[in-house]
Amino acid sequence: MNTRSEVSIFRLYLLRAMYAFMAIGLSIYKLPAIFNPPANLSTMGSVVLSVLAGLALLAGVGIHRPLKMLPLLFFEFLWKAVWVLAFALPQWSAGQLSPDAQEVLINNLVGIVLVPLVMPWSYVFNHFLKAPGDPWMKQVALNQDGRTTGSEA
């Protein structure tokens, strides 16, 4: 089926807006620390900044190829949902959520709400869940009498 008929132009623009939101937001709020890192930046802090820089760059690719980069949105949704469920909610319910964690919680909730809203769910179902997976081994071509052909044997 033609991608154009599966996903509306409006939905493609919503996806592009989501990727732009990610790329611009990360570029403004996180990437400056890569070029001018704080003196007290921990090793894990530098890893997080590097991962976020990679996300920002890939989100830029998503603006151009919104359907091919859908796994990036899956990742964006899943890591935020895991953080909220595994870390923020238990701390919040115990009354121990720090002010900086509250800010992260709000930012993550925005992503958890927006990503499912822009996702082209029928396309996701047809191309990621319903479609057959890639082969696990090299396929061997057989000729008409059932023997292997060429150097693939």
N, C-alpha and C. Protein backbone atom coordinates (compact mmCIF):
# COMPACT_ATOMS: atom_id res chain seq x y z
N MET A 1 0.83 -1.18 0.00
CA MET A 1 0.00 0.00 0.00
C MET A 1 0.88 1.24 0.00
N ASN A 2 0.46 2.24 -0.70
CA ASN A 2 1.20 3.48 -0.82
C ASN A 2 1.17 4.24 0.50
N THR A 3 2.32 4.69 0.95
CA THR A 3 2.41 5.44 2.21
C THR A 3 1.54 6.68 2.16
N ARG A 4 1.48 7.31 1.02
CA ARG A 4 0.69 8.54 0.87
C ARG A 4 -0.77 8.30 1.20
N SER A 5 -1.31 7.15 0.81
CA SER A 5 -2.72 6.87 1.10
C SER A 5 -2.91 6.35 2.52
N GLU A 6 -1.85 5.84 3.14
CA GLU A 6 -1.96 5.31 4.50
C GLU A 6 -1.89 6.40 5.55
N VAL A 7 -1.08 7.42 5.32
CA VAL A 7 -0.86 8.47 6.30
C VAL A 7 -1.14 9.81 5.63
N SER A 8 -2.04 10.57 6.23
CA SER A 8 -2.43 11.84 5.64
C SER A 8 -1.27 12.85 5.71
N ILE A 9 -1.33 13.81 4.82
CA ILE A 9 -0.34 14.89 4.83
C ILE A 9 -0.40 15.62 6.17
N PHE A 10 -1.59 15.82 6.70
CA PHE A 10 -1.74 16.47 8.01
C PHE A 10 -0.99 15.70 9.08
N ARG A 11 -1.15 14.36 9.08
CA ARG A 11 -0.46 13.53 10.09
C ARG A 11 1.05 13.61 9.91
N LEU A 12 1.52 13.63 8.66
CA LEU A 12 2.96 13.77 8.41
C LEU A 12 3.48 15.09 8.96
N TYR A 13 2.69 16.16 8.80
CA TYR A 13 3.10 17.45 9.36
C TYR A 13 3.07 17.44 10.89
N LEU A 14 2.11 16.72 11.49
CA LEU A 14 2.12 16.57 12.95
C LEU A 14 3.39 15.86 13.41
N LEU A 15 3.76 14.80 12.70
CA LEU A 15 4.99 14.08 13.04
C LEU A 15 6.19 14.99 12.89
N ARG A 16 6.25 15.73 11.80
CA ARG A 16 7.38 16.66 11.60
C ARG A 16 7.43 17.69 12.72
N ALA A 17 6.27 18.17 13.14
CA ALA A 17 6.24 19.14 14.24
C ALA A 17 6.76 18.50 15.53
N MET A 18 6.43 17.24 15.76
CA MET A 18 6.92 16.55 16.96
C MET A 18 8.43 16.40 16.92
N TYR A 19 8.95 15.98 15.77
CA TYR A 19 10.41 15.86 15.63
C TYR A 19 11.08 17.23 15.80
N ALA A 20 10.49 18.28 15.23
CA ALA A 20 11.07 19.63 15.36
C ALA A 20 11.03 20.07 16.82
N PHE A 21 9.93 19.78 17.51
CA PHE A 21 9.80 20.11 18.94
C PHE A 21 10.92 19.45 19.72
N MET A 22 11.18 18.17 19.43
CA MET A 22 12.25 17.45 20.10
C MET A 22 13.61 18.06 19.77
N ALA A 23 13.89 18.24 18.48
CA ALA A 23 15.20 18.72 18.05
C ALA A 23 15.49 20.12 18.58
N ILE A 24 14.51 21.00 18.47
CA ILE A 24 14.72 22.38 18.90
C ILE A 24 14.82 22.45 20.42
N GLY A 25 13.91 21.75 21.11
CA GLY A 25 13.94 21.76 22.57
C GLY A 25 15.25 21.24 23.12
N LEU A 26 15.71 20.11 22.60
CA LEU A 26 16.98 19.57 23.07
C LEU A 26 18.14 20.49 22.70
N SER A 27 18.09 21.08 21.52
CA SER A 27 19.17 21.96 21.09
C SER A 27 19.27 23.20 21.98
N ILE A 28 18.14 23.71 22.40
CA ILE A 28 18.14 24.92 23.23
C ILE A 28 18.52 24.62 24.67
N TYR A 29 17.95 23.55 25.23
CA TYR A 29 18.09 23.32 26.67
C TYR A 29 19.20 22.37 27.08
N LYS A 30 19.62 21.49 26.19
CA LYS A 30 20.61 20.49 26.59
C LYS A 30 21.94 20.58 25.86
N LEU A 31 21.91 20.87 24.57
CA LEU A 31 23.14 20.83 23.79
C LEU A 31 24.17 21.89 24.16
N PRO A 32 23.79 23.06 24.65
CA PRO A 32 24.84 24.02 25.05
C PRO A 32 25.81 23.45 26.09
N ALA A 33 25.32 22.55 26.93
CA ALA A 33 26.20 21.95 27.95
C ALA A 33 27.25 21.04 27.32
N ILE A 34 27.06 20.61 26.09
CA ILE A 34 28.07 19.78 25.42
C ILE A 34 29.26 20.67 25.04
N PHE A 35 28.96 21.86 24.55
CA PHE A 35 30.02 22.76 24.09
C PHE A 35 30.65 23.55 25.24
N ASN A 36 29.92 23.66 26.33
CA ASN A 36 30.44 24.36 27.50
C ASN A 36 29.99 23.59 28.75
N PRO A 37 30.60 22.42 28.98
CA PRO A 37 30.12 21.58 30.09
C PRO A 37 30.38 22.21 31.46
N PRO A 38 29.44 22.01 32.37
CA PRO A 38 29.66 22.51 33.73
C PRO A 38 30.84 21.80 34.38
N ALA A 39 31.51 22.48 35.28
CA ALA A 39 32.70 21.92 35.93
C ALA A 39 32.38 20.66 36.73
N ASN A 40 31.18 20.57 37.28
CA ASN A 40 30.81 19.44 38.12
C ASN A 40 30.04 18.35 37.38
N LEU A 41 30.13 18.31 36.05
CA LEU A 41 29.40 17.31 35.26
C LEU A 41 29.93 15.91 35.55
N SER A 42 29.04 15.03 35.98
CA SER A 42 29.44 13.66 36.27
C SER A 42 29.59 12.86 34.97
N THR A 43 30.17 11.70 35.08
CA THR A 43 30.30 10.82 33.91
C THR A 43 28.92 10.46 33.38
N MET A 44 27.99 10.10 34.28
CA MET A 44 26.64 9.77 33.83
C MET A 44 25.96 10.99 33.22
N GLY A 45 26.22 12.16 33.76
CA GLY A 45 25.67 13.38 33.18
C GLY A 45 26.17 13.60 31.76
N SER A 46 27.44 13.29 31.53
CA SER A 46 27.99 13.44 30.17
C SER A 46 27.40 12.39 29.23
N VAL A 47 27.13 11.21 29.75
CA VAL A 47 26.49 10.17 28.93
C VAL A 47 25.07 10.60 28.55
N VAL A 48 24.33 11.11 29.52
CA VAL A 48 22.97 11.58 29.25
C VAL A 48 22.98 12.69 28.20
N LEU A 49 23.89 13.64 28.33
CA LEU A 49 23.98 14.72 27.34
C LEU A 49 24.30 14.17 25.95
N SER A 50 25.17 13.19 25.89
CA SER A 50 25.52 12.58 24.60
C SER A 50 24.33 11.86 23.97
N VAL A 51 23.59 11.13 24.78
CA VAL A 51 22.39 10.44 24.28
C VAL A 51 21.37 11.47 23.78
N LEU A 52 21.18 12.52 24.55
CA LEU A 52 20.22 13.56 24.14
C LEU A 52 20.67 14.28 22.87
N ALA A 53 21.98 14.46 22.70
CA ALA A 53 22.48 15.04 21.45
C ALA A 53 22.17 14.12 20.28
N GLY A 54 22.36 12.82 20.48
CA GLY A 54 22.01 11.86 19.44
C GLY A 54 20.52 11.91 19.11
N LEU A 55 19.68 12.00 20.15
CA LEU A 55 18.23 12.12 19.91
C LEU A 55 17.90 13.38 19.12
N ALA A 56 18.55 14.49 19.46
CA ALA A 56 18.30 15.74 18.75
C ALA A 56 18.66 15.61 17.28
N LEU A 57 19.81 15.01 17.00
CA LEU A 57 20.23 14.85 15.60
C LEU A 57 19.29 13.92 14.84
N LEU A 58 18.89 12.82 15.47
CA LEU A 58 17.96 11.89 14.82
C LEU A 58 16.58 12.51 14.64
N ALA A 59 16.17 13.35 15.58
CA ALA A 59 14.89 14.05 15.41
C ALA A 59 14.96 14.97 14.19
N GLY A 60 16.13 15.55 13.94
CA GLY A 60 16.32 16.33 12.72
C GLY A 60 16.10 15.49 11.47
N VAL A 61 16.57 14.26 11.50
CA VAL A 61 16.33 13.34 10.37
C VAL A 61 14.83 13.06 10.27
N GLY A 62 14.16 12.94 11.41
CA GLY A 62 12.72 12.67 11.42
C GLY A 62 11.90 13.77 10.76
N ILE A 63 12.38 14.99 10.78
CA ILE A 63 11.67 16.07 10.09
C ILE A 63 11.61 15.76 8.59
N HIS A 64 12.69 15.22 8.07
CA HIS A 64 12.75 14.87 6.64
C HIS A 64 12.07 13.54 6.34
N ARG A 65 12.22 12.55 7.20
CA ARG A 65 11.70 11.19 6.98
C ARG A 65 10.84 10.78 8.18
N PRO A 66 9.66 11.36 8.34
CA PRO A 66 8.88 11.14 9.56
C PRO A 66 8.45 9.69 9.80
N LEU A 67 8.13 8.95 8.77
CA LEU A 67 7.68 7.57 8.97
C LEU A 67 8.84 6.63 9.23
N LYS A 68 9.95 6.85 8.57
CA LYS A 68 11.11 5.98 8.78
C LYS A 68 11.70 6.15 10.17
N MET A 69 11.47 7.29 10.80
CA MET A 69 12.04 7.55 12.12
C MET A 69 11.05 7.32 13.26
N LEU A 70 9.92 6.66 12.97
CA LEU A 70 8.96 6.37 14.04
C LEU A 70 9.57 5.62 15.23
N PRO A 71 10.52 4.70 15.02
CA PRO A 71 11.12 4.06 16.20
C PRO A 71 11.74 5.06 17.18
N LEU A 72 12.17 6.21 16.70
CA LEU A 72 12.68 7.24 17.61
C LEU A 72 11.57 7.74 18.53
N LEU A 73 10.36 7.89 17.98
CA LEU A 73 9.23 8.31 18.82
C LEU A 73 8.82 7.20 19.78
N PHE A 74 8.92 5.93 19.34
CA PHE A 74 8.66 4.81 20.25
C PHE A 74 9.62 4.91 21.44
N PHE A 75 10.90 5.11 21.14
CA PHE A 75 11.91 5.22 22.19
C PHE A 75 11.61 6.39 23.11
N GLU A 76 11.29 7.54 22.52
CA GLU A 76 10.99 8.74 23.29
C GLU A 76 9.84 8.49 24.26
N PHE A 77 8.79 7.86 23.76
CA PHE A 77 7.64 7.56 24.62
C PHE A 77 8.00 6.56 25.71
N LEU A 78 8.70 5.49 25.32
CA LEU A 78 8.97 4.41 26.28
C LEU A 78 9.92 4.83 27.39
N TRP A 79 11.00 5.54 27.08
CA TRP A 79 11.92 5.89 28.17
C TRP A 79 11.25 6.85 29.14
N LYS A 80 10.41 7.74 28.62
CA LYS A 80 9.71 8.67 29.50
C LYS A 80 8.68 7.94 30.36
N ALA A 81 7.95 7.02 29.77
CA ALA A 81 6.95 6.26 30.53
C ALA A 81 7.62 5.41 31.60
N VAL A 82 8.74 4.78 31.27
CA VAL A 82 9.46 3.98 32.26
C VAL A 82 9.93 4.86 33.41
N TRP A 83 10.49 6.02 33.11
CA TRP A 83 10.98 6.90 34.17
C TRP A 83 9.83 7.35 35.07
N VAL A 84 8.71 7.74 34.45
CA VAL A 84 7.57 8.20 35.25
C VAL A 84 7.05 7.07 36.13
N LEU A 85 6.85 5.88 35.56
CA LEU A 85 6.26 4.77 36.32
C LEU A 85 7.22 4.20 37.36
N ALA A 86 8.48 4.06 37.00
CA ALA A 86 9.43 3.38 37.90
C ALA A 86 10.08 4.31 38.92
N PHE A 87 10.20 5.58 38.60
CA PHE A 87 10.94 6.48 39.49
C PHE A 87 10.10 7.64 40.02
N ALA A 88 9.44 8.38 39.14
CA ALA A 88 8.74 9.58 39.58
C ALA A 88 7.50 9.26 40.42
N LEU A 89 6.65 8.36 39.95
CA LEU A 89 5.41 8.09 40.69
C LEU A 89 5.67 7.51 42.08
N PRO A 90 6.59 6.55 42.24
CA PRO A 90 6.85 6.08 43.61
C PRO A 90 7.35 7.19 44.54
N GLN A 91 8.23 8.05 44.03
CA GLN A 91 8.72 9.16 44.85
C GLN A 91 7.61 10.16 45.14
N TRP A 92 6.80 10.45 44.15
CA TRP A 92 5.70 11.40 44.32
C TRP A 92 4.69 10.88 45.34
N SER A 93 4.33 9.58 45.22
CA SER A 93 3.35 9.02 46.15
C SER A 93 3.88 8.96 47.58
N ALA A 94 5.21 8.89 47.74
CA ALA A 94 5.82 8.91 49.07
C ALA A 94 6.11 10.32 49.55
N GLY A 95 5.76 11.33 48.73
CA GLY A 95 6.02 12.71 49.10
C GLY A 95 7.48 13.09 49.07
N GLN A 96 8.29 12.37 48.27
CA GLN A 96 9.73 12.59 48.24
C GLN A 96 10.25 13.06 46.88
N LEU A 97 9.37 13.56 46.02
CA LEU A 97 9.80 14.00 44.70
C LEU A 97 10.45 15.38 44.82
N SER A 98 11.72 15.46 44.49
CA SER A 98 12.47 16.71 44.61
C SER A 98 11.99 17.73 43.57
N PRO A 99 12.26 19.01 43.80
CA PRO A 99 11.84 20.03 42.82
C PRO A 99 12.40 19.80 41.42
N ASP A 100 13.66 19.38 41.31
CA ASP A 100 14.20 19.14 39.95
C ASP A 100 13.52 17.93 39.32
N ALA A 101 13.19 16.92 40.11
CA ALA A 101 12.47 15.76 39.57
C ALA A 101 11.04 16.13 39.17
N GLN A 102 10.44 17.09 39.87
CA GLN A 102 9.11 17.57 39.49
C GLN A 102 9.14 18.20 38.11
N GLU A 103 10.19 18.97 37.84
CA GLU A 103 10.33 19.59 36.52
C GLU A 103 10.51 18.53 35.43
N VAL A 104 11.33 17.52 35.71
CA VAL A 104 11.52 16.43 34.75
C VAL A 104 10.21 15.68 34.54
N LEU A 105 9.46 15.47 35.62
CA LEU A 105 8.17 14.78 35.52
C LEU A 105 7.23 15.53 34.58
N ILE A 106 7.14 16.83 34.75
CA ILE A 106 6.25 17.62 33.88
C ILE A 106 6.70 17.53 32.43
N ASN A 107 8.00 17.66 32.18
CA ASN A 107 8.52 17.55 30.81
C ASN A 107 8.23 16.18 30.22
N ASN A 108 8.40 15.14 31.01
CA ASN A 108 8.15 13.79 30.52
C ASN A 108 6.67 13.55 30.26
N LEU A 109 5.80 14.10 31.11
CA LEU A 109 4.37 13.94 30.89
C LEU A 109 3.93 14.59 29.59
N VAL A 110 4.56 15.71 29.22
CA VAL A 110 4.25 16.35 27.94
C VAL A 110 4.55 15.38 26.80
N GLY A 111 5.71 14.74 26.82
CA GLY A 111 6.06 13.77 25.78
C GLY A 111 5.15 12.55 25.78
N ILE A 112 4.77 12.09 26.97
CA ILE A 112 3.90 10.92 27.08
C ILE A 112 2.52 11.21 26.50
N VAL A 113 2.08 12.45 26.58
CA VAL A 113 0.79 12.83 26.02
C VAL A 113 0.90 13.10 24.52
N LEU A 114 1.93 13.85 24.10
CA LEU A 114 2.03 14.28 22.70
C LEU A 114 2.35 13.15 21.73
N VAL A 115 3.28 12.27 22.10
CA VAL A 115 3.70 11.22 21.15
C VAL A 115 2.51 10.35 20.71
N PRO A 116 1.68 9.83 21.62
CA PRO A 116 0.54 9.04 21.14
C PRO A 116 -0.46 9.84 20.30
N LEU A 117 -0.54 11.14 20.55
CA LEU A 117 -1.47 11.96 19.77
C LEU A 117 -1.04 12.13 18.31
N VAL A 118 0.26 12.21 18.07
CA VAL A 118 0.73 12.41 16.69
C VAL A 118 0.99 11.09 15.96
N MET A 119 1.05 9.99 16.69
CA MET A 119 1.41 8.70 16.10
C MET A 119 0.34 8.23 15.10
N PRO A 120 0.74 7.83 13.89
CA PRO A 120 -0.22 7.28 12.92
C PRO A 120 -0.45 5.79 13.24
N TRP A 121 -1.39 5.51 14.12
CA TRP A 121 -1.54 4.18 14.69
C TRP A 121 -1.85 3.09 13.66
N SER A 122 -2.64 3.36 12.64
CA SER A 122 -2.91 2.31 11.64
C SER A 122 -1.63 1.97 10.87
N TYR A 123 -0.82 2.97 10.57
CA TYR A 123 0.46 2.73 9.90
C TYR A 123 1.38 1.90 10.81
N VAL A 124 1.44 2.27 12.08
CA VAL A 124 2.26 1.52 13.04
C VAL A 124 1.80 0.07 13.09
N PHE A 125 0.50 -0.14 13.17
CA PHE A 125 -0.02 -1.50 13.23
C PHE A 125 0.35 -2.28 11.97
N ASN A 126 0.14 -1.69 10.79
CA ASN A 126 0.40 -2.39 9.53
C ASN A 126 1.87 -2.63 9.26
N HIS A 127 2.73 -1.68 9.61
CA HIS A 127 4.14 -1.77 9.23
C HIS A 127 5.07 -2.26 10.33
N PHE A 128 4.64 -2.18 11.58
CA PHE A 128 5.52 -2.60 12.67
C PHE A 128 5.00 -3.82 13.41
N LEU A 129 3.71 -4.02 13.45
CA LEU A 129 3.16 -5.15 14.20
C LEU A 129 2.63 -6.27 13.31
N LYS A 130 1.91 -5.92 12.27
CA LYS A 130 1.27 -6.91 11.40
C LYS A 130 2.20 -7.45 10.32
N ALA A 131 3.09 -6.64 9.82
CA ALA A 131 3.98 -7.04 8.72
C ALA A 131 4.93 -8.14 9.19
N PRO A 132 5.30 -9.06 8.29
CA PRO A 132 6.25 -10.10 8.68
C PRO A 132 7.61 -9.50 9.01
N GLY A 133 8.30 -10.14 9.92
CA GLY A 133 9.63 -9.68 10.31
C GLY A 133 10.67 -9.99 9.25
N ASP A 134 11.82 -9.43 9.43
CA ASP A 134 12.93 -9.70 8.52
C ASP A 134 13.43 -11.11 8.75
N PRO A 135 13.99 -11.76 7.71
CA PRO A 135 14.48 -13.13 7.87
C PRO A 135 15.67 -13.19 8.83
N TRP A 136 15.80 -14.32 9.51
CA TRP A 136 16.91 -14.53 10.44
C TRP A 136 18.14 -15.07 9.75
N MET A 137 17.95 -15.72 8.60
CA MET A 137 19.09 -16.30 7.87
C MET A 137 18.98 -15.91 6.41
N LYS A 138 20.09 -16.06 5.68
CA LYS A 138 20.11 -15.77 4.26
C LYS A 138 19.17 -16.71 3.53
N GLN A 139 18.38 -16.15 2.65
CA GLN A 139 17.45 -16.96 1.87
C GLN A 139 18.20 -17.61 0.70
N VAL A 140 17.93 -18.89 0.47
CA VAL A 140 18.57 -19.63 -0.61
C VAL A 140 17.58 -19.77 -1.75
N ALA A 141 17.98 -19.36 -2.94
CA ALA A 141 17.11 -19.46 -4.11
C ALA A 141 17.15 -20.88 -4.67
N LEU A 142 16.00 -21.40 -5.05
CA LEU A 142 15.91 -22.73 -5.65
C LEU A 142 15.45 -22.58 -7.09
N ASN A 143 16.00 -23.45 -7.97
CA ASN A 143 15.52 -23.42 -9.35
C ASN A 143 14.27 -24.30 -9.44
N GLN A 144 13.75 -24.51 -10.65
CA GLN A 144 12.47 -25.21 -10.83
C GLN A 144 12.51 -26.65 -10.35
N ASP A 145 13.67 -27.32 -10.43
CA ASP A 145 13.71 -28.72 -9.98
C ASP A 145 14.12 -28.84 -8.53
N GLY A 146 14.12 -27.73 -7.77
CA GLY A 146 14.36 -27.79 -6.34
C GLY A 146 15.82 -27.72 -5.93
N ARG A 147 16.75 -27.55 -6.87
CA ARG A 147 18.17 -27.44 -6.50
C ARG A 147 18.54 -25.97 -6.28
N THR A 148 19.55 -25.77 -5.45
CA THR A 148 20.01 -24.41 -5.20
C THR A 148 20.69 -23.86 -6.45
N THR A 149 20.61 -22.53 -6.59
CA THR A 149 21.20 -21.90 -7.76
C THR A 149 22.39 -21.04 -7.36
N GLY A 150 23.32 -20.87 -8.25
CA GLY A 150 24.44 -19.97 -8.08
C GLY A 150 25.35 -20.35 -6.91
N SER A 151 26.01 -19.35 -6.33
CA SER A 151 26.99 -19.56 -5.28
C SER A 151 26.37 -19.50 -3.90
N GLU A 152 25.04 -19.47 -3.79
CA GLU A 152 24.39 -19.34 -2.49
C GLU A 152 24.31 -20.66 -1.75
N ALA A 153 24.66 -21.76 -2.39
CA ALA A 153 24.51 -23.07 -1.76
C ALA A 153 25.52 -23.29 -0.68
